[in-house]
Amino acid sequence: MSQQLPDYVSSAQPTPFDKRVGWLMSTAASYAGVMLWFVFWQEAPLGATGVAGGTLSGGLQLAIGSLVLAAFLCYLLCYLVPGLLGMKTGLPLAVVGTSTYGVTGGFLMPGLLMGLLQFGWLSVNAYFSGLLLVQTFGIPADSITHLTVSVVWAILAMLMGILGIQYVGKIASFSPIIPIAILVILLVSVCANVGKFDPNVTRNAEYESQKNAAREMQTLGEELSKFSPPILLDSEKLAKYKKVETEYLKKRQISNSQEASLWGSHQLGIISLICTYVIGFFATAGAAGANFGCNNRSSVAVHLGGLVGIVFATSLAGVIALLVVAGVQASILDKPELLVTYKVTDTNLLNAIVGVELSRIFMFLLALAAFPSACFCTFIAAGCIKTSFPSVNQWVSCGLGCLAAIFLVITGYAKDAPSVFNVIGASFGPICGAMAADYILSGFKWAGPREGFNAAGWLSWILGFAVGAASLLYPQVGDLRLAEIIPCPPLSAFIVGFVFYIIFARSGLQSKVLELPQRIDK
């Protein structure tokens, strides 16, 4: 006897073609707003190394080429299939994802997972937006004032995301103009020095940073050796031991991450670093292409929206950020120690380029321009949770999610943006890979909702996540070199999800397709 469709699937109504809108002001504008967010492009010159200009240590041409490649991979691998599925069916991600994960499994993934991870995005947005706001007045990071502003920012974003998203949407169409204008001004200010950039100086600074990390690791290791076996410690000493151990592992991870960029082929290391950062940042936004695609009228609109909003916007913001940092570094060759502290929105860098007063204005404007993105995080989360659990009040679900985001802000996890994006990439890389494989196996169309838990989808996701999250999991498995063995974890996770979905599907592990009377893509 066939399983009855759950409410979130049976009640889903496709968006009629006559109600759909143009791609430029919908798909392209929305993605451009995401990729022009300052948290993305300010970190682009750092990559996964944590060293300012780390991705420039192989030269400008390699860094720029790698960033454009990463932008195209985001469009091709993470966005295109979900976008086409949304366009053809008129249905959101939570529903089209049931062909990959089943109607029972679909409660959890990808729709609900998409909603939950939005609060991770909200925490990063709130932390860094709050930081720019308080730095405008000379208040340091992680101060009580900074954390308070970030908490208020998260709460306001939640309220506006639920109550006033229609007003936020109108502002969001114009907010990308602010970061573009600021990036262009910064580039014009330093363009005379870009040609003088020497990647060897950056590489030397990177080596010096590694030496410092190694010395800190040695000191922490010596401190750890003073403790008795942890099982014999009292509660006070055990707490101190755990604190030192955590710091040691963190320093070890940073050291390994930096070393990975110089390990083996330096050029391949740089490509991997940039692709890891960009794809990890973009992964959930790519899967949300189904939600944007269901408002597009044709496959041409899906392609154009992605090429303009993803490839062009990502390349524009990222490349300008690389050029700005290269220009600044070329102008401070007599102070190489500063190379390990600068990123595009660093107060010292902005002050050096445009002066103190104008840099304060820039930071304030960049923070304001990021507010619509914070509101959309809550809006998307509420929609995903509501789709999966129609009976759950959105105030309850979003309130709990906002509390989780506030926790990440206060504890400091939100400021480690590359790690947050690593989790996102590890989670959604295999989802996008499995959805792409399912789309191809179904003859380049939506197969339809599948019964129960589709084993092919879930098994491929588990394997893909294990690969994508290697850099986070390695302390637990005891292999401190595992992260260096796996190149570009988000991309590797996609490939594993794609390949193993095909293997499991061909092995008969796909569940039965159920009838959906209201589908329009038959």
Protein backbone atom coordinates (compact mmCIF):
# COMPACT_ATOMS: atom_id res chain seq x y z
CA MET A 1 0.00 0.00 0.00
CA SER A 2 1.47 3.35 -1.05
CA GLN A 3 2.34 5.91 1.57
CA GLN A 4 0.03 8.89 1.85
CA LEU A 5 1.63 12.20 1.06
CA PRO A 6 2.34 14.36 4.14
CA ASP A 7 0.67 17.77 4.38
CA TYR A 8 3.76 19.77 3.42
CA VAL A 9 3.85 17.93 0.07
CA SER A 10 0.15 17.43 -0.66
CA SER A 11 -0.67 21.07 0.15
CA ALA A 12 2.17 22.55 -1.92
CA GLN A 13 0.84 24.50 -4.89
CA PRO A 14 3.08 25.18 -7.92
CA THR A 15 3.61 28.82 -8.82
CA PRO A 16 1.61 29.46 -12.03
CA PHE A 17 3.64 30.67 -15.00
CA ASP A 18 1.53 33.81 -15.33
CA LYS A 19 2.43 34.78 -11.75
CA ARG A 20 6.18 34.53 -12.25
CA VAL A 21 8.51 37.52 -12.54
CA GLY A 22 11.58 38.56 -14.50
CA TRP A 23 14.96 37.08 -13.59
CA LEU A 24 16.88 40.37 -13.24
CA MET A 25 15.00 41.82 -10.26
CA SER A 26 14.34 38.44 -8.64
CA THR A 27 17.02 35.75 -9.01
CA ALA A 28 19.91 37.97 -10.13
CA ALA A 29 19.23 40.78 -7.63
CA SER A 30 18.81 38.37 -4.72
CA TYR A 31 22.04 36.48 -5.41
CA ALA A 32 23.97 39.66 -6.10
CA GLY A 33 22.88 40.92 -2.69
CA VAL A 34 24.28 37.76 -1.08
CA MET A 35 27.60 37.78 -2.92
CA LEU A 36 28.15 41.52 -2.45
CA TRP A 37 27.77 41.12 1.32
CA PHE A 38 30.94 42.48 2.92
CA VAL A 39 31.47 39.37 5.08
CA PHE A 40 32.10 37.43 1.86
CA TRP A 41 34.47 39.70 0.01
CA GLN A 42 36.37 41.00 3.05
CA GLU A 43 37.58 37.42 3.69
CA ALA A 44 38.35 36.54 0.05
CA PRO A 45 42.04 37.58 0.24
CA LEU A 46 42.42 35.45 3.39
CA GLY A 47 40.83 32.25 2.10
CA ALA A 48 41.05 29.49 4.68
CA THR A 49 44.50 30.48 5.93
CA GLY A 50 43.53 33.23 8.34
CA VAL A 51 46.45 35.25 6.92
CA ALA A 52 45.60 38.49 5.15
CA GLY A 53 46.59 38.13 1.53
CA GLY A 54 47.13 34.41 1.99
CA THR A 55 45.40 33.64 -1.30
CA LEU A 56 47.61 36.23 -3.01
CA SER A 57 50.84 34.42 -2.16
CA GLY A 58 50.74 32.67 -5.54
CA GLY A 59 50.32 35.92 -7.46
CA LEU A 60 47.37 38.05 -8.57
CA GLN A 61 46.62 36.13 -11.75
CA LEU A 62 46.30 32.81 -9.94
CA ALA A 63 44.11 34.30 -7.21
CA ILE A 64 41.80 36.05 -9.68
CA GLY A 65 41.53 32.99 -11.92
CA SER A 66 40.78 30.78 -8.91
CA LEU A 67 38.06 33.12 -7.69
CA VAL A 68 36.34 33.26 -11.08
CA LEU A 69 36.57 29.46 -11.29
CA ALA A 70 35.00 29.17 -7.83
CA ALA A 71 32.18 31.52 -8.85
CA PHE A 72 31.43 29.42 -11.94
CA LEU A 73 31.49 26.19 -9.90
CA CYS A 74 28.95 27.73 -7.50
CA TYR A 75 26.66 28.46 -10.45
CA LEU A 76 27.16 25.13 -12.21
CA LEU A 77 27.22 22.69 -9.28
CA CYS A 78 25.27 24.27 -6.43
CA TYR A 79 22.65 26.43 -8.14
CA LEU A 80 21.77 25.21 -11.62
CA VAL A 81 19.95 21.93 -10.91
CA PRO A 82 17.89 23.28 -7.96
CA GLY A 83 17.06 26.35 -10.05
CA LEU A 84 15.91 24.28 -13.02
CA LEU A 85 13.89 21.98 -10.77
CA GLY A 86 12.16 24.98 -9.21
CA MET A 87 11.41 26.48 -12.62
CA LYS A 88 10.04 23.26 -14.12
CA THR A 89 7.89 22.31 -11.14
CA GLY A 90 7.04 25.67 -9.61
CA LEU A 91 7.73 24.09 -6.21
CA PRO A 92 10.16 25.10 -3.41
CA LEU A 93 13.28 23.25 -2.27
CA ALA A 94 11.57 21.39 0.58
CA VAL A 95 9.21 19.72 -1.93
CA VAL A 96 11.52 19.07 -4.89
CA GLY A 97 14.05 17.67 -2.42
CA THR A 98 11.68 14.80 -1.61
CA SER A 99 12.72 13.03 -4.80
CA THR A 100 16.24 12.79 -3.35
CA TYR A 101 15.47 12.20 0.34
CA GLY A 102 11.88 10.89 0.41
CA VAL A 103 8.72 12.47 1.80
CA THR A 104 9.47 11.28 5.35
CA GLY A 105 13.13 12.22 5.17
CA GLY A 106 12.14 15.50 3.53
CA PHE A 107 10.91 16.74 6.89
CA LEU A 108 14.54 16.97 7.88
CA MET A 109 16.50 17.56 4.67
CA PRO A 110 17.01 19.63 2.65
CA GLY A 111 14.19 22.01 3.63
CA LEU A 112 14.45 21.98 7.43
CA LEU A 113 18.26 21.85 7.38
CA MET A 114 18.21 24.88 5.08
CA GLY A 115 16.06 26.71 7.62
CA LEU A 116 18.25 25.81 10.60
CA LEU A 117 21.50 26.79 8.90
CA GLN A 118 20.04 30.22 8.15
CA PHE A 119 20.46 31.04 11.81
CA GLY A 120 24.18 30.31 11.43
CA TRP A 121 24.20 32.93 8.68
CA LEU A 122 22.24 35.29 10.95
CA SER A 123 24.85 34.93 13.70
CA VAL A 124 27.72 35.77 11.33
CA ASN A 125 25.79 38.73 9.91
CA ALA A 126 24.93 40.06 13.37
CA TYR A 127 28.47 39.66 14.72
CA PHE A 128 30.28 41.40 11.86
CA SER A 129 27.62 44.06 11.24
CA GLY A 130 27.69 44.90 14.94
CA LEU A 131 31.48 45.02 14.77
CA LEU A 132 31.47 47.56 11.94
CA LEU A 133 28.91 49.70 13.74
CA VAL A 134 30.86 49.91 17.01
CA GLN A 135 34.22 50.33 15.27
CA THR A 136 32.74 53.44 13.72
CA PHE A 137 32.95 54.92 17.23
CA GLY A 138 36.27 53.33 18.15
CA ILE A 139 34.77 50.55 20.31
CA PRO A 140 36.78 47.29 20.24
CA ALA A 141 35.61 43.87 19.08
CA ASP A 142 34.05 41.46 21.60
CA SER A 143 33.36 44.26 24.06
CA ILE A 144 30.06 44.34 25.93
CA THR A 145 28.88 47.12 23.64
CA HIS A 146 29.79 45.16 20.51
CA LEU A 147 28.03 41.99 21.66
CA THR A 148 24.98 43.97 22.79
CA VAL A 149 24.67 45.69 19.43
CA SER A 150 25.03 42.34 17.66
CA VAL A 151 22.31 40.76 19.81
CA VAL A 152 19.93 43.67 19.16
CA TRP A 153 20.78 43.42 15.45
CA ALA A 154 19.81 39.73 15.38
CA ILE A 155 16.53 40.39 17.20
CA LEU A 156 15.58 43.27 14.88
CA ALA A 157 16.41 41.15 11.84
CA MET A 158 14.15 38.39 13.14
CA LEU A 159 11.27 40.82 13.72
CA MET A 160 11.64 42.47 10.32
CA GLY A 161 12.06 39.12 8.60
CA ILE A 162 8.66 38.05 9.92
CA LEU A 163 6.68 41.31 10.01
CA GLY A 164 8.19 43.64 7.47
CA ILE A 165 9.89 41.58 4.78
CA GLN A 166 7.93 43.39 2.05
CA TYR A 167 9.60 46.66 3.06
CA VAL A 168 13.01 45.04 3.41
CA GLY A 169 12.65 43.57 -0.07
CA LYS A 170 12.22 47.03 -1.59
CA ILE A 171 15.37 48.27 0.12
CA ALA A 172 17.33 45.12 -0.75
CA SER A 173 17.01 45.86 -4.47
CA PHE A 174 19.20 48.93 -3.98
CA SER A 175 21.45 47.90 -1.07
CA PRO A 176 24.08 46.19 -3.32
CA ILE A 177 24.90 49.63 -4.73
CA ILE A 178 26.59 50.56 -1.42
CA PRO A 179 29.28 47.82 -1.33
CA ILE A 180 29.91 48.20 -5.07
CA ALA A 181 30.48 51.94 -4.69
CA ILE A 182 32.78 51.46 -1.68
CA LEU A 183 34.80 48.75 -3.41
CA VAL A 184 35.25 50.93 -6.51
CA ILE A 185 36.38 53.91 -4.39
CA LEU A 186 38.90 51.74 -2.56
CA LEU A 187 40.20 50.28 -5.81
CA VAL A 188 40.62 53.69 -7.43
CA SER A 189 42.51 54.86 -4.34
CA VAL A 190 45.09 52.05 -4.49
CA CYS A 191 45.15 51.14 -8.19
CA ALA A 192 48.49 52.92 -8.75
CA ASN A 193 50.19 50.41 -6.43
CA VAL A 194 48.56 47.22 -7.72
CA GLY A 195 51.22 46.78 -10.40
CA LYS A 196 53.93 46.90 -7.71
CA PHE A 197 52.50 43.97 -5.78
CA ASP A 198 55.08 41.26 -5.05
CA PRO A 199 53.66 37.85 -4.05
CA ASN A 200 57.04 36.88 -2.54
CA VAL A 201 56.51 39.46 0.22
CA THR A 202 53.12 37.96 1.00
CA ARG A 203 54.56 34.45 0.94
CA ASN A 204 57.29 35.45 3.38
CA ALA A 205 54.68 36.96 5.70
CA GLU A 206 52.73 33.72 5.47
CA TYR A 207 55.80 31.70 6.42
CA GLU A 208 56.42 34.04 9.35
CA SER A 209 52.83 33.55 10.51
CA GLN A 210 53.37 29.79 10.39
CA LYS A 211 56.49 30.09 12.52
CA ASN A 212 54.58 32.12 15.09
CA ALA A 213 51.81 29.49 15.17
CA ALA A 214 54.41 26.73 15.57
CA ARG A 215 56.00 28.55 18.51
CA GLU A 216 52.60 29.03 20.17
CA MET A 217 51.83 25.34 19.63
CA GLN A 218 55.11 24.33 21.23
CA THR A 219 54.39 26.50 24.27
CA LEU A 220 50.89 25.07 24.63
CA GLY A 221 52.21 21.55 24.16
CA GLU A 222 54.74 22.06 26.96
CA GLU A 223 51.96 23.39 29.20
CA LEU A 224 49.79 20.36 28.41
CA SER A 225 52.64 17.99 29.31
CA LYS A 226 52.68 19.39 32.87
CA PHE A 227 49.27 17.93 33.61
CA SER A 228 48.73 14.44 34.95
CA PRO A 229 46.50 12.14 32.87
CA PRO A 230 43.15 14.03 32.68
CA ILE A 231 41.30 11.25 34.48
CA LEU A 232 43.36 11.95 37.64
CA LEU A 233 42.73 15.71 37.73
CA ASP A 234 40.35 17.49 40.06
CA SER A 235 37.56 19.62 38.56
CA GLU A 236 39.53 22.89 38.64
CA LYS A 237 42.63 21.45 37.00
CA LEU A 238 40.51 19.49 34.53
CA ALA A 239 38.80 22.70 33.40
CA LYS A 240 42.19 24.35 32.89
CA TYR A 241 43.44 21.29 31.02
CA LYS A 242 40.43 21.38 28.68
CA LYS A 243 40.96 25.08 28.02
CA VAL A 244 44.63 24.60 27.13
CA GLU A 245 43.84 21.51 25.05
CA THR A 246 41.17 23.38 23.07
CA GLU A 247 43.56 26.25 22.38
CA TYR A 248 46.29 23.80 21.35
CA LEU A 249 44.00 22.01 18.86
CA LYS A 250 42.84 25.33 17.47
CA LYS A 251 46.41 26.48 16.90
CA ARG A 252 47.23 23.10 15.35
CA GLN A 253 44.29 23.42 12.97
CA ILE A 254 45.33 26.94 11.92
CA SER A 255 48.91 25.77 11.42
CA ASN A 256 47.80 22.80 9.31
CA SER A 257 45.46 25.02 7.30
CA GLN A 258 48.25 27.49 6.56
CA GLU A 259 50.70 24.72 5.76
CA ALA A 260 48.19 23.13 3.38
CA SER A 261 48.37 26.19 1.13
CA LEU A 262 52.12 25.64 0.75
CA TRP A 263 52.09 21.84 0.82
CA GLY A 264 52.66 19.94 -2.43
CA SER A 265 51.79 22.21 -5.33
CA HIS A 266 51.49 25.78 -4.07
CA GLN A 267 49.33 26.73 -7.04
CA LEU A 268 46.86 23.91 -6.45
CA GLY A 269 46.83 24.80 -2.77
CA ILE A 270 45.74 28.37 -3.54
CA ILE A 271 43.01 27.17 -5.92
CA SER A 272 41.76 24.77 -3.26
CA LEU A 273 41.76 27.46 -0.56
CA ILE A 274 39.74 29.92 -2.63
CA CYS A 275 37.27 27.32 -3.88
CA THR A 276 36.83 25.98 -0.34
CA TYR A 277 35.95 29.41 0.98
CA VAL A 278 33.69 30.55 -1.88
CA ILE A 279 31.76 27.28 -2.37
CA GLY A 280 31.37 26.84 1.40
CA PHE A 281 29.95 30.35 1.65
CA PHE A 282 27.55 29.85 -1.26
CA ALA A 283 26.31 26.28 -0.79
CA THR A 284 22.99 26.93 0.98
CA ALA A 285 22.22 29.89 -1.24
CA GLY A 286 22.76 27.63 -4.25
CA ALA A 287 20.30 25.00 -3.05
CA ALA A 288 17.79 27.80 -2.47
CA GLY A 289 17.87 28.25 -6.25
CA ALA A 290 14.76 26.06 -6.28
CA ASN A 291 12.88 28.76 -4.38
CA PHE A 292 14.06 31.40 -6.84
CA GLY A 293 13.59 29.17 -9.88
CA CYS A 294 9.92 28.57 -9.14
CA ASN A 295 9.42 32.28 -9.90
CA ASN A 296 11.27 32.12 -13.25
CA ARG A 297 9.44 31.61 -16.53
CA SER A 298 12.04 29.62 -18.49
CA SER A 299 15.35 27.80 -18.29
CA VAL A 300 16.97 30.79 -20.02
CA ALA A 301 15.87 32.97 -17.10
CA VAL A 302 17.38 30.46 -14.64
CA HIS A 303 20.71 30.54 -16.50
CA LEU A 304 20.80 34.32 -16.84
CA GLY A 305 19.86 34.89 -13.21
CA GLY A 306 22.71 32.64 -12.10
CA LEU A 307 25.32 34.00 -14.49
CA VAL A 308 24.61 37.61 -13.53
CA GLY A 309 23.75 37.22 -9.85
CA ILE A 310 26.32 34.55 -9.01
CA VAL A 311 29.21 34.42 -11.48
CA PHE A 312 29.39 38.13 -12.29
CA ALA A 313 28.60 39.49 -8.80
CA THR A 314 30.96 37.05 -7.05
CA SER A 315 33.77 37.74 -9.50
CA LEU A 316 33.26 41.50 -9.31
CA ALA A 317 33.31 41.73 -5.52
CA GLY A 318 36.01 39.12 -4.97
CA VAL A 319 38.40 40.36 -7.64
CA ILE A 320 38.16 43.98 -6.47
CA ALA A 321 38.83 42.84 -2.89
CA LEU A 322 41.95 40.98 -4.07
CA LEU A 323 43.17 44.03 -6.00
CA VAL A 324 42.58 46.36 -3.05
CA VAL A 325 44.59 44.18 -0.66
CA ALA A 326 47.34 43.76 -3.27
CA GLY A 327 47.53 47.53 -3.72
CA VAL A 328 47.70 48.16 0.02
CA GLN A 329 50.36 45.49 0.56
CA ALA A 330 52.46 46.95 -2.23
CA SER A 331 52.38 50.32 -0.44
CA ILE A 332 53.60 48.98 2.95
CA LEU A 333 56.58 46.88 1.90
CA ASP A 334 58.61 48.50 4.66
CA LYS A 335 56.18 47.10 7.26
CA PRO A 336 55.74 43.41 6.36
CA GLU A 337 54.41 42.62 9.84
CA LEU A 338 51.19 44.44 8.89
CA LEU A 339 50.55 41.95 6.09
CA VAL A 340 49.25 39.38 8.57
CA THR A 341 46.57 41.68 10.00
CA TYR A 342 44.94 43.37 7.04
CA LYS A 343 41.64 42.51 5.41
CA VAL A 344 39.43 44.80 3.33
CA THR A 345 37.26 46.12 6.18
CA ASP A 346 40.09 46.28 8.71
CA THR A 347 40.05 49.68 10.41
CA ASN A 348 43.77 50.24 9.81
CA LEU A 349 43.46 49.41 6.12
CA LEU A 350 40.48 51.70 5.55
CA ASN A 351 42.14 54.49 7.51
CA ALA A 352 45.29 54.14 5.40
CA ILE A 353 43.34 54.31 2.14
CA VAL A 354 40.62 56.94 2.67
CA GLY A 355 41.29 58.48 6.08
CA VAL A 356 39.64 58.06 9.47
CA GLU A 357 36.42 59.99 8.90
CA LEU A 358 35.56 58.45 5.54
CA SER A 359 36.46 54.95 6.74
CA ARG A 360 33.95 55.34 9.59
CA ILE A 361 31.26 56.31 7.11
CA PHE A 362 32.14 53.30 4.94
CA MET A 363 31.90 50.88 7.87
CA PHE A 364 28.55 52.32 8.94
CA LEU A 365 27.13 52.08 5.40
CA LEU A 366 28.40 48.51 4.91
CA ALA A 367 26.71 47.46 8.14
CA LEU A 368 23.40 49.04 7.08
CA ALA A 369 23.62 47.40 3.65
CA ALA A 370 23.95 44.01 5.37
CA PHE A 371 20.68 44.35 7.30
CA PRO A 372 18.40 43.14 4.47
CA SER A 373 20.49 39.94 4.24
CA ALA A 374 19.99 39.36 7.96
CA CYS A 375 16.22 39.80 7.56
CA PHE A 376 16.12 37.41 4.62
CA CYS A 377 17.90 34.76 6.73
CA THR A 378 14.97 34.80 9.16
CA PHE A 379 12.43 34.96 6.33
CA ILE A 380 13.92 31.94 4.54
CA ALA A 381 14.26 30.01 7.81
CA ALA A 382 10.62 30.68 8.73
CA GLY A 383 9.48 29.53 5.30
CA CYS A 384 11.53 26.33 5.38
CA ILE A 385 10.39 25.38 8.88
CA LYS A 386 6.77 26.26 8.08
CA THR A 387 6.88 24.07 4.96
CA SER A 388 8.23 21.09 6.89
CA PHE A 389 6.10 21.65 10.00
CA PRO A 390 2.95 23.60 9.03
CA SER A 391 1.55 23.48 12.58
CA VAL A 392 4.58 25.10 14.24
CA ASN A 393 4.13 28.80 15.02
CA GLN A 394 6.78 30.83 13.19
CA TRP A 395 7.33 33.04 16.23
CA VAL A 396 8.31 29.99 18.24
CA SER A 397 10.58 28.49 15.58
CA CYS A 398 12.26 31.77 14.65
CA GLY A 399 12.54 32.82 18.28
CA LEU A 400 14.41 29.63 19.15
CA GLY A 401 16.58 30.02 16.07
CA CYS A 402 17.37 33.61 16.99
CA LEU A 403 18.41 32.47 20.47
CA ALA A 404 20.76 29.97 18.84
CA ALA A 405 22.23 32.75 16.68
CA ILE A 406 22.68 34.93 19.78
CA PHE A 407 24.47 32.05 21.51
CA LEU A 408 26.90 31.78 18.59
CA VAL A 409 27.53 35.52 18.74
CA ILE A 410 28.14 35.69 22.49
CA THR A 411 30.37 32.61 22.58
CA GLY A 412 32.47 33.90 19.68
CA TYR A 413 31.77 31.04 17.26
CA ALA A 414 30.12 33.47 14.83
CA LYS A 415 33.34 35.42 14.27
CA ASP A 416 35.04 32.36 12.78
CA ALA A 417 33.29 32.86 9.43
CA PRO A 418 35.40 30.33 7.44
CA SER A 419 34.50 27.57 9.92
CA VAL A 420 30.79 28.47 9.74
CA PHE A 421 30.93 28.35 5.96
CA ASN A 422 32.83 25.06 6.17
CA VAL A 423 29.90 23.53 8.07
CA ILE A 424 27.49 24.93 5.48
CA GLY A 425 29.57 23.61 2.58
CA ALA A 426 29.93 20.20 4.21
CA SER A 427 26.16 20.03 4.77
CA PHE A 428 24.93 21.27 1.41
CA GLY A 429 27.74 20.14 -0.91
CA PRO A 430 26.51 16.51 -0.89
CA ILE A 431 22.87 17.67 -1.04
CA CYS A 432 23.54 19.57 -4.27
CA GLY A 433 25.55 16.61 -5.61
CA ALA A 434 22.80 14.08 -4.88
CA MET A 435 20.10 16.34 -6.34
CA ALA A 436 22.16 16.75 -9.52
CA ALA A 437 22.61 12.98 -9.82
CA ASP A 438 18.89 12.36 -9.23
CA TYR A 439 18.02 14.98 -11.86
CA ILE A 440 20.27 13.32 -14.46
CA LEU A 441 19.09 9.77 -13.66
CA SER A 442 15.46 10.94 -14.02
CA GLY A 443 16.04 12.17 -17.57
CA PHE A 444 16.73 15.82 -16.68
CA LYS A 445 13.40 16.31 -14.95
CA TRP A 446 11.92 15.98 -11.47
CA ALA A 447 11.25 12.36 -10.60
CA GLY A 448 8.52 13.26 -8.10
CA PRO A 449 8.23 12.67 -4.34
CA ARG A 450 9.63 9.34 -3.18
CA GLU A 451 8.25 7.14 -0.46
CA GLY A 452 9.62 7.24 3.11
CA PHE A 453 13.37 7.76 3.49
CA ASN A 454 15.14 7.48 0.15
CA ALA A 455 18.21 5.46 1.18
CA ALA A 456 20.26 6.50 -1.87
CA GLY A 457 20.00 10.15 -0.85
CA TRP A 458 20.66 9.70 2.85
CA LEU A 459 23.61 7.34 2.49
CA SER A 460 25.26 9.56 -0.11
CA TRP A 461 24.78 12.57 2.19
CA ILE A 462 26.38 10.83 5.17
CA LEU A 463 29.46 9.93 3.11
CA GLY A 464 29.63 13.39 1.54
CA PHE A 465 29.34 15.15 4.89
CA ALA A 466 32.07 12.97 6.37
CA VAL A 467 34.37 14.15 3.57
CA GLY A 468 33.29 17.78 3.58
CA ALA A 469 33.57 18.16 7.36
CA ALA A 470 37.00 16.50 7.62
CA SER A 471 38.70 19.65 8.91
CA LEU A 472 36.12 19.85 11.72
CA LEU A 473 36.04 16.16 12.55
CA TYR A 474 39.75 15.31 12.51
CA PRO A 475 40.46 16.00 16.23
CA GLN A 476 37.74 13.49 17.08
CA VAL A 477 39.12 10.77 14.77
CA GLY A 478 42.70 11.44 15.83
CA ASP A 479 44.09 12.13 12.35
CA LEU A 480 45.57 15.61 12.49
CA ARG A 481 46.59 15.48 8.81
CA LEU A 482 43.23 14.38 7.42
CA ALA A 483 42.20 17.90 6.37
CA GLU A 484 45.28 18.16 4.18
CA ILE A 485 44.53 14.91 2.37
CA ILE A 486 41.12 16.08 1.11
CA PRO A 487 41.34 18.94 -1.43
CA CYS A 488 38.59 21.57 -1.39
CA PRO A 489 36.22 19.81 1.06
CA PRO A 490 32.95 21.41 -0.20
CA LEU A 491 33.74 20.37 -3.79
CA SER A 492 34.87 16.93 -2.67
CA ALA A 493 31.63 16.58 -0.69
CA PHE A 494 29.63 17.44 -3.82
CA ILE A 495 31.50 14.84 -5.88
CA VAL A 496 31.05 12.15 -3.22
CA GLY A 497 27.33 12.93 -2.94
CA PHE A 498 26.93 12.86 -6.73
CA VAL A 499 28.88 9.65 -7.36
CA PHE A 500 27.48 7.62 -4.48
CA TYR A 501 23.91 8.64 -5.19
CA ILE A 502 24.31 7.11 -8.65
CA ILE A 503 25.92 3.99 -7.18
CA PHE A 504 23.19 3.53 -4.55
CA ALA A 505 20.39 4.33 -7.02
CA ARG A 506 21.73 1.77 -9.51
CA SER A 507 21.93 -0.72 -6.65
CA GLY A 508 18.18 -0.47 -6.12
CA LEU A 509 18.23 1.74 -3.03
CA GLN A 510 15.85 4.35 -4.43
CA SER A 511 12.39 4.26 -2.91
CA LYS A 512 9.15 4.26 -4.89
CA VAL A 513 7.92 7.46 -6.61
CA LEU A 514 4.53 8.68 -5.35
CA GLU A 515 1.86 10.44 -7.38
CA LEU A 516 1.53 14.22 -6.90
CA PRO A 517 -1.74 15.31 -8.57
CA GLN A 518 -0.98 19.04 -8.65
CA ARG A 519 2.41 18.81 -10.41
CA ILE A 520 2.63 20.82 -13.64
CA ASP A 521 5.81 19.41 -15.19
CA LYS A 522 4.53 16.03 -16.41
